[in-house]
Amino acid sequence: MKGIYSLILNCKDKFKVGNLGEMRFEGNYIYVGSAQGPGGLKRIKRHLKIAEGEKDTRYWHIDYLLGNSEVLGYCYAETRKNKECELANKLSFLETKYDFGCSDCNCNSHLFSIEESDLKNIKKTLEKAFKEIGLDPIFETKNE
């Protein structure tokens, strides 16, 4: 099953992120990712394992952040079209971490800082963005 996804993260740390160097992360973030490659949406499980310390591989920018974050929830939708950048564009009204997670496209960022801490409101923001690009999202929290 292929698609796109967003991770909702909480982080309070400063650390090195691959070639981007040392960066500070404080608060809640939404990360937008693509699951068009091998394994498709199983990529979300890989990310959760890194966040839980069960996997140490650091390949993408998000891997560095996950090792220092708590995943609060995630949202995903099935699609064979790569709509990752469209979704990132719909979230661009949020503050961005410039150049994060977008080394293979022309976006400014695929990581967005969100002041909101209520997961219900974050879910509404994500559902709206997914629906605006023609997808029906599924939202899951850490406790589900």
N, C-alpha and C. Protein backbone atom coordinates (compact mmCIF):
# COMPACT_ATOMS: atom_id res chain seq x y z
N MET A 1 0.85 -1.17 0.00
CA MET A 1 0.00 0.00 0.00
C MET A 1 0.90 1.24 0.00
N LYS A 2 0.77 2.07 -1.00
CA LYS A 2 1.58 3.29 -1.13
C LYS A 2 0.75 4.50 -0.72
N GLY A 3 1.43 5.59 -0.37
CA GLY A 3 0.70 6.78 0.04
C GLY A 3 1.61 7.89 0.50
N ILE A 4 1.02 8.80 1.27
CA ILE A 4 1.76 9.88 1.92
C ILE A 4 1.33 9.90 3.38
N TYR A 5 2.13 10.55 4.21
CA TYR A 5 1.84 10.56 5.64
C TYR A 5 2.38 11.82 6.30
N SER A 6 1.89 12.06 7.50
CA SER A 6 2.40 13.13 8.35
C SER A 6 2.59 12.55 9.74
N LEU A 7 3.72 12.86 10.34
CA LEU A 7 3.99 12.47 11.71
C LEU A 7 3.82 13.70 12.60
N ILE A 8 3.26 13.52 13.77
CA ILE A 8 3.12 14.61 14.75
C ILE A 8 4.12 14.31 15.85
N LEU A 9 5.05 15.22 16.04
CA LEU A 9 6.18 14.99 16.94
C LEU A 9 6.25 16.05 18.03
N ASN A 10 6.79 15.65 19.17
CA ASN A 10 7.14 16.60 20.22
C ASN A 10 8.62 16.43 20.49
N CYS A 11 9.33 17.55 20.50
CA CYS A 11 10.78 17.48 20.67
C CYS A 11 11.27 18.69 21.47
N LYS A 12 12.28 18.45 22.30
CA LYS A 12 12.93 19.53 23.06
C LYS A 12 14.40 19.20 23.13
N ASP A 13 15.12 19.49 22.06
CA ASP A 13 16.52 19.12 22.04
C ASP A 13 17.26 19.85 20.93
N LYS A 14 18.57 19.80 21.00
CA LYS A 14 19.45 20.37 19.99
C LYS A 14 20.40 19.24 19.59
N PHE A 15 20.52 18.97 18.29
CA PHE A 15 21.36 17.87 17.85
C PHE A 15 21.69 18.05 16.37
N LYS A 16 22.65 17.25 15.90
CA LYS A 16 23.09 17.31 14.51
C LYS A 16 22.11 16.54 13.64
N VAL A 17 21.75 17.14 12.50
CA VAL A 17 20.83 16.53 11.54
C VAL A 17 21.56 16.38 10.21
N GLY A 18 22.23 15.24 10.04
CA GLY A 18 22.92 14.97 8.78
C GLY A 18 23.73 16.16 8.29
N ASN A 19 23.60 16.48 7.00
CA ASN A 19 24.34 17.59 6.39
C ASN A 19 23.80 18.96 6.79
N LEU A 20 22.65 19.02 7.43
CA LEU A 20 22.09 20.31 7.86
C LEU A 20 22.82 20.86 9.07
N GLY A 21 23.57 20.01 9.76
CA GLY A 21 24.31 20.45 10.95
C GLY A 21 23.44 20.47 12.19
N GLU A 22 23.92 21.19 13.21
CA GLU A 22 23.21 21.23 14.49
C GLU A 22 21.99 22.13 14.40
N MET A 23 20.87 21.61 14.90
CA MET A 23 19.60 22.35 14.87
C MET A 23 18.91 22.19 16.21
N ARG A 24 18.13 23.20 16.61
CA ARG A 24 17.35 23.14 17.85
C ARG A 24 15.89 22.90 17.49
N PHE A 25 15.27 21.97 18.23
CA PHE A 25 13.86 21.65 18.05
C PHE A 25 13.18 21.72 19.41
N GLU A 26 12.18 22.57 19.50
CA GLU A 26 11.40 22.67 20.73
C GLU A 26 9.93 22.79 20.38
N GLY A 27 9.11 21.92 20.97
CA GLY A 27 7.68 22.00 20.75
C GLY A 27 7.17 20.91 19.83
N ASN A 28 6.00 21.18 19.24
CA ASN A 28 5.35 20.20 18.37
C ASN A 28 5.63 20.51 16.91
N TYR A 29 5.77 19.44 16.14
CA TYR A 29 6.07 19.55 14.71
C TYR A 29 5.21 18.58 13.92
N ILE A 30 4.96 18.95 12.68
CA ILE A 30 4.33 18.05 11.71
C ILE A 30 5.36 17.81 10.62
N TYR A 31 5.63 16.55 10.36
CA TYR A 31 6.54 16.17 9.29
C TYR A 31 5.73 15.51 8.18
N VAL A 32 5.99 15.88 6.94
CA VAL A 32 5.30 15.31 5.78
C VAL A 32 6.26 14.39 5.04
N GLY A 33 5.81 13.17 4.78
CA GLY A 33 6.66 12.20 4.10
C GLY A 33 5.93 11.45 3.01
N SER A 34 6.71 10.84 2.14
CA SER A 34 6.18 10.04 1.04
C SER A 34 6.41 8.56 1.35
N ALA A 35 5.44 7.76 0.98
CA ALA A 35 5.55 6.31 1.12
C ALA A 35 5.30 5.67 -0.24
N GLN A 36 5.98 6.17 -1.24
CA GLN A 36 5.83 5.66 -2.61
C GLN A 36 6.86 4.59 -2.94
N GLY A 37 7.90 4.50 -2.13
CA GLY A 37 8.96 3.54 -2.41
C GLY A 37 8.64 2.14 -1.91
N PRO A 38 9.66 1.28 -1.90
CA PRO A 38 9.48 -0.09 -1.43
C PRO A 38 8.92 -0.10 0.01
N GLY A 39 7.96 -0.93 0.24
CA GLY A 39 7.37 -1.02 1.58
C GLY A 39 6.18 -0.10 1.77
N GLY A 40 6.08 0.94 0.95
CA GLY A 40 4.95 1.86 1.02
C GLY A 40 4.73 2.42 2.41
N LEU A 41 3.51 2.34 2.88
CA LEU A 41 3.14 2.93 4.17
C LEU A 41 3.74 2.20 5.37
N LYS A 42 4.44 1.10 5.14
CA LYS A 42 5.17 0.44 6.23
C LYS A 42 6.29 1.35 6.73
N ARG A 43 6.61 2.36 5.96
CA ARG A 43 7.64 3.32 6.37
C ARG A 43 7.26 3.97 7.71
N ILE A 44 5.98 4.14 7.96
CA ILE A 44 5.53 4.73 9.22
C ILE A 44 6.00 3.86 10.39
N LYS A 45 5.86 2.54 10.27
CA LYS A 45 6.31 1.64 11.33
C LYS A 45 7.81 1.76 11.55
N ARG A 46 8.55 1.92 10.48
CA ARG A 46 10.00 2.10 10.58
C ARG A 46 10.31 3.35 11.40
N HIS A 47 9.59 4.44 11.10
CA HIS A 47 9.78 5.68 11.84
C HIS A 47 9.46 5.50 13.33
N LEU A 48 8.39 4.79 13.61
CA LEU A 48 8.00 4.57 15.02
C LEU A 48 9.07 3.77 15.75
N LYS A 49 9.68 2.81 15.08
CA LYS A 49 10.74 2.02 15.71
C LYS A 49 11.96 2.88 16.04
N ILE A 50 12.29 3.81 15.16
CA ILE A 50 13.41 4.71 15.44
C ILE A 50 13.09 5.59 16.65
N ALA A 51 11.87 6.13 16.68
CA ALA A 51 11.47 6.99 17.79
C ALA A 51 11.45 6.23 19.12
N GLU A 52 11.13 4.95 19.07
CA GLU A 52 11.06 4.14 20.29
C GLU A 52 12.42 3.53 20.65
N GLY A 53 13.45 3.82 19.86
CA GLY A 53 14.78 3.31 20.14
C GLY A 53 15.02 1.88 19.72
N GLU A 54 14.12 1.30 18.94
CA GLU A 54 14.25 -0.08 18.49
C GLU A 54 15.09 -0.21 17.22
N LYS A 55 15.38 0.91 16.59
CA LYS A 55 16.15 0.91 15.34
C LYS A 55 17.07 2.14 15.37
N ASP A 56 18.32 1.96 14.93
CA ASP A 56 19.30 3.05 15.02
C ASP A 56 19.67 3.67 13.68
N THR A 57 19.17 3.15 12.57
CA THR A 57 19.55 3.65 11.25
C THR A 57 19.18 5.12 11.10
N ARG A 58 20.14 5.92 10.65
CA ARG A 58 19.90 7.34 10.40
C ARG A 58 20.24 7.61 8.94
N TYR A 59 19.20 7.66 8.11
CA TYR A 59 19.40 7.84 6.67
C TYR A 59 18.82 9.18 6.21
N TRP A 60 17.57 9.45 6.55
CA TRP A 60 16.91 10.68 6.16
C TRP A 60 16.93 11.69 7.29
N HIS A 61 16.68 12.97 6.98
CA HIS A 61 16.62 14.01 8.00
C HIS A 61 15.70 13.61 9.15
N ILE A 62 14.53 13.06 8.82
CA ILE A 62 13.54 12.72 9.84
C ILE A 62 14.09 11.69 10.82
N ASP A 63 14.99 10.82 10.38
CA ASP A 63 15.55 9.80 11.27
C ASP A 63 16.29 10.44 12.44
N TYR A 64 16.99 11.53 12.19
CA TYR A 64 17.73 12.23 13.25
C TYR A 64 16.77 12.84 14.26
N LEU A 65 15.69 13.41 13.76
CA LEU A 65 14.70 14.04 14.63
C LEU A 65 13.94 12.98 15.43
N LEU A 66 13.59 11.88 14.80
CA LEU A 66 12.84 10.82 15.49
C LEU A 66 13.60 10.24 16.67
N GLY A 67 14.90 10.15 16.55
CA GLY A 67 15.72 9.62 17.64
C GLY A 67 15.72 10.52 18.86
N ASN A 68 15.19 11.72 18.72
CA ASN A 68 15.18 12.70 19.81
C ASN A 68 13.78 13.27 20.03
N SER A 69 12.75 12.53 19.63
CA SER A 69 11.37 13.02 19.69
C SER A 69 10.42 11.96 20.22
N GLU A 70 9.25 12.43 20.58
CA GLU A 70 8.14 11.54 20.89
C GLU A 70 7.13 11.69 19.76
N VAL A 71 6.71 10.56 19.19
CA VAL A 71 5.67 10.59 18.17
C VAL A 71 4.32 10.60 18.88
N LEU A 72 3.56 11.69 18.70
CA LEU A 72 2.26 11.82 19.34
C LEU A 72 1.15 11.17 18.53
N GLY A 73 1.34 11.11 17.22
CA GLY A 73 0.36 10.52 16.33
C GLY A 73 0.82 10.64 14.90
N TYR A 74 0.00 10.14 13.99
CA TYR A 74 0.31 10.25 12.57
C TYR A 74 -0.97 10.18 11.76
N CYS A 75 -0.86 10.67 10.55
CA CYS A 75 -1.98 10.74 9.63
C CYS A 75 -1.46 10.24 8.28
N TYR A 76 -2.25 9.44 7.59
CA TYR A 76 -1.80 8.94 6.29
C TYR A 76 -2.97 8.72 5.36
N ALA A 77 -2.66 8.58 4.09
CA ALA A 77 -3.67 8.29 3.08
C ALA A 77 -3.03 7.47 1.97
N GLU A 78 -3.80 6.56 1.44
CA GLU A 78 -3.34 5.76 0.31
C GLU A 78 -3.43 6.59 -0.96
N THR A 79 -2.40 6.51 -1.77
CA THR A 79 -2.40 7.11 -3.09
C THR A 79 -1.19 6.57 -3.85
N ARG A 80 -1.36 6.40 -5.13
CA ARG A 80 -0.23 6.01 -5.97
C ARG A 80 0.45 7.25 -6.56
N LYS A 81 -0.16 8.40 -6.36
CA LYS A 81 0.43 9.66 -6.82
C LYS A 81 1.26 10.26 -5.69
N ASN A 82 2.40 10.82 -6.05
CA ASN A 82 3.24 11.43 -5.03
C ASN A 82 2.73 12.84 -4.74
N LYS A 83 1.94 12.96 -3.69
CA LYS A 83 1.33 14.23 -3.30
C LYS A 83 1.99 14.83 -2.07
N GLU A 84 3.17 14.33 -1.74
CA GLU A 84 3.90 14.80 -0.57
C GLU A 84 4.13 16.31 -0.62
N CYS A 85 4.59 16.81 -1.74
CA CYS A 85 4.87 18.25 -1.85
C CYS A 85 3.58 19.08 -1.84
N GLU A 86 2.52 18.54 -2.41
CA GLU A 86 1.23 19.23 -2.35
C GLU A 86 0.76 19.38 -0.91
N LEU A 87 0.93 18.31 -0.13
CA LEU A 87 0.54 18.37 1.27
C LEU A 87 1.42 19.35 2.04
N ALA A 88 2.72 19.31 1.79
CA ALA A 88 3.63 20.26 2.44
C ALA A 88 3.23 21.69 2.09
N ASN A 89 2.85 21.91 0.85
CA ASN A 89 2.42 23.24 0.41
C ASN A 89 1.17 23.70 1.17
N LYS A 90 0.23 22.79 1.42
CA LYS A 90 -1.00 23.13 2.15
C LYS A 90 -0.70 23.48 3.61
N LEU A 91 0.41 23.00 4.13
CA LEU A 91 0.79 23.29 5.52
C LEU A 91 1.78 24.45 5.63
N SER A 92 2.12 25.06 4.52
CA SER A 92 3.17 26.09 4.51
C SER A 92 2.77 27.37 5.24
N PHE A 93 1.52 27.48 5.69
CA PHE A 93 1.13 28.63 6.51
C PHE A 93 1.73 28.50 7.92
N LEU A 94 2.18 27.30 8.27
CA LEU A 94 2.85 27.07 9.56
C LEU A 94 4.32 27.45 9.43
N GLU A 95 4.97 27.69 10.55
CA GLU A 95 6.40 28.01 10.54
C GLU A 95 7.19 26.79 10.08
N THR A 96 8.13 26.99 9.19
CA THR A 96 8.91 25.87 8.65
C THR A 96 10.29 25.80 9.27
N LYS A 97 10.85 24.60 9.26
CA LYS A 97 12.27 24.39 9.54
C LYS A 97 12.90 24.29 8.16
N TYR A 98 13.48 25.39 7.70
CA TYR A 98 13.96 25.53 6.33
C TYR A 98 14.87 24.37 5.93
N ASP A 99 14.61 23.82 4.75
CA ASP A 99 15.38 22.75 4.10
C ASP A 99 15.24 21.39 4.76
N PHE A 100 14.37 21.23 5.74
CA PHE A 100 14.29 19.95 6.44
C PHE A 100 13.41 18.98 5.65
N GLY A 101 13.98 17.83 5.32
CA GLY A 101 13.22 16.75 4.69
C GLY A 101 12.85 16.98 3.24
N CYS A 102 13.50 17.94 2.60
CA CYS A 102 13.11 18.24 1.21
C CYS A 102 14.33 18.36 0.30
N SER A 103 15.35 17.56 0.57
CA SER A 103 16.56 17.64 -0.26
C SER A 103 16.35 17.08 -1.66
N ASP A 104 15.22 16.38 -1.88
CA ASP A 104 14.97 15.79 -3.19
C ASP A 104 13.83 16.48 -3.94
N CYS A 105 13.47 17.71 -3.50
CA CYS A 105 12.40 18.45 -4.18
C CYS A 105 12.68 19.95 -4.06
N ASN A 106 11.76 20.77 -4.53
CA ASN A 106 11.95 22.23 -4.51
C ASN A 106 11.21 22.92 -3.37
N CYS A 107 10.66 22.15 -2.43
CA CYS A 107 9.94 22.75 -1.30
C CYS A 107 10.93 23.43 -0.34
N ASN A 108 10.43 24.39 0.42
CA ASN A 108 11.25 25.01 1.46
C ASN A 108 11.48 24.06 2.63
N SER A 109 10.47 23.24 2.93
CA SER A 109 10.56 22.33 4.07
C SER A 109 9.45 21.30 4.00
N HIS A 110 9.68 20.20 4.70
CA HIS A 110 8.63 19.21 4.93
C HIS A 110 8.43 19.04 6.43
N LEU A 111 8.96 19.98 7.22
CA LEU A 111 8.79 19.98 8.67
C LEU A 111 8.24 21.33 9.09
N PHE A 112 7.17 21.27 9.87
CA PHE A 112 6.45 22.49 10.25
C PHE A 112 6.25 22.54 11.75
N SER A 113 6.58 23.67 12.33
CA SER A 113 6.36 23.89 13.75
C SER A 113 4.90 24.26 13.96
N ILE A 114 4.27 23.65 14.97
CA ILE A 114 2.87 23.94 15.23
C ILE A 114 2.72 24.26 16.72
N GLU A 115 2.20 25.45 17.00
CA GLU A 115 2.04 25.88 18.38
C GLU A 115 0.94 25.10 19.09
N GLU A 116 0.01 24.60 18.34
CA GLU A 116 -1.11 23.85 18.89
C GLU A 116 -0.60 22.60 19.63
N SER A 117 -1.15 22.33 20.80
CA SER A 117 -0.76 21.12 21.52
C SER A 117 -1.91 20.12 21.64
N ASP A 118 -3.12 20.53 21.33
CA ASP A 118 -4.29 19.66 21.40
C ASP A 118 -4.33 18.80 20.14
N LEU A 119 -4.20 17.49 20.31
CA LEU A 119 -4.18 16.58 19.16
C LEU A 119 -5.45 16.66 18.32
N LYS A 120 -6.58 16.95 18.94
CA LYS A 120 -7.83 17.07 18.17
C LYS A 120 -7.74 18.22 17.17
N ASN A 121 -7.14 19.32 17.57
CA ASN A 121 -6.99 20.46 16.67
C ASN A 121 -5.92 20.20 15.60
N ILE A 122 -4.86 19.51 15.98
CA ILE A 122 -3.83 19.15 15.00
C ILE A 122 -4.45 18.21 13.97
N LYS A 123 -5.27 17.27 14.44
CA LYS A 123 -5.96 16.34 13.54
C LYS A 123 -6.82 17.11 12.54
N LYS A 124 -7.55 18.12 13.00
CA LYS A 124 -8.39 18.92 12.11
C LYS A 124 -7.54 19.62 11.04
N THR A 125 -6.41 20.17 11.46
CA THR A 125 -5.50 20.84 10.52
C THR A 125 -5.02 19.86 9.44
N LEU A 126 -4.60 18.68 9.87
CA LEU A 126 -4.11 17.68 8.92
C LEU A 126 -5.22 17.15 8.03
N GLU A 127 -6.37 16.84 8.60
CA GLU A 127 -7.48 16.33 7.79
C GLU A 127 -7.87 17.33 6.71
N LYS A 128 -7.92 18.59 7.07
CA LYS A 128 -8.26 19.63 6.10
C LYS A 128 -7.24 19.66 4.97
N ALA A 129 -5.96 19.62 5.31
CA ALA A 129 -4.90 19.66 4.29
C ALA A 129 -4.96 18.43 3.37
N PHE A 130 -5.15 17.26 3.94
CA PHE A 130 -5.25 16.04 3.13
C PHE A 130 -6.45 16.12 2.19
N LYS A 131 -7.59 16.56 2.71
CA LYS A 131 -8.80 16.63 1.88
C LYS A 131 -8.67 17.67 0.77
N GLU A 132 -7.94 18.75 1.04
CA GLU A 132 -7.74 19.79 0.01
C GLU A 132 -6.93 19.27 -1.18
N ILE A 133 -6.17 18.21 -0.98
CA ILE A 133 -5.42 17.63 -2.10
C ILE A 133 -6.09 16.34 -2.60
N GLY A 134 -7.34 16.13 -2.19
CA GLY A 134 -8.14 15.04 -2.72
C GLY A 134 -7.95 13.68 -2.07
N LEU A 135 -7.46 13.65 -0.83
CA LEU A 135 -7.22 12.38 -0.15
C LEU A 135 -8.06 12.28 1.12
N ASP A 136 -8.42 11.05 1.47
CA ASP A 136 -9.16 10.78 2.71
C ASP A 136 -8.18 10.22 3.74
N PRO A 137 -7.81 11.03 4.73
CA PRO A 137 -6.78 10.60 5.68
C PRO A 137 -7.31 9.69 6.78
N ILE A 138 -6.40 8.89 7.30
CA ILE A 138 -6.64 8.09 8.49
C ILE A 138 -5.70 8.65 9.56
N PHE A 139 -6.24 8.93 10.74
CA PHE A 139 -5.48 9.54 11.82
C PHE A 139 -5.37 8.56 12.97
N GLU A 140 -4.15 8.38 13.47
CA GLU A 140 -3.93 7.51 14.62
C GLU A 140 -3.04 8.22 15.63
N THR A 141 -3.36 8.01 16.90
CA THR A 141 -2.50 8.56 17.95
C THR A 141 -1.71 7.43 18.56
N LYS A 142 -0.73 7.81 19.33
CA LYS A 142 0.17 6.85 19.96
C LYS A 142 -0.62 5.84 20.81
N ASN A 143 -1.70 6.28 21.40
CA ASN A 143 -2.46 5.43 22.33
C ASN A 143 -3.47 4.52 21.64
N GLU A 144 -3.65 4.62 20.32
CA GLU A 144 -4.65 3.81 19.63
C GLU A 144 -4.10 2.48 19.21
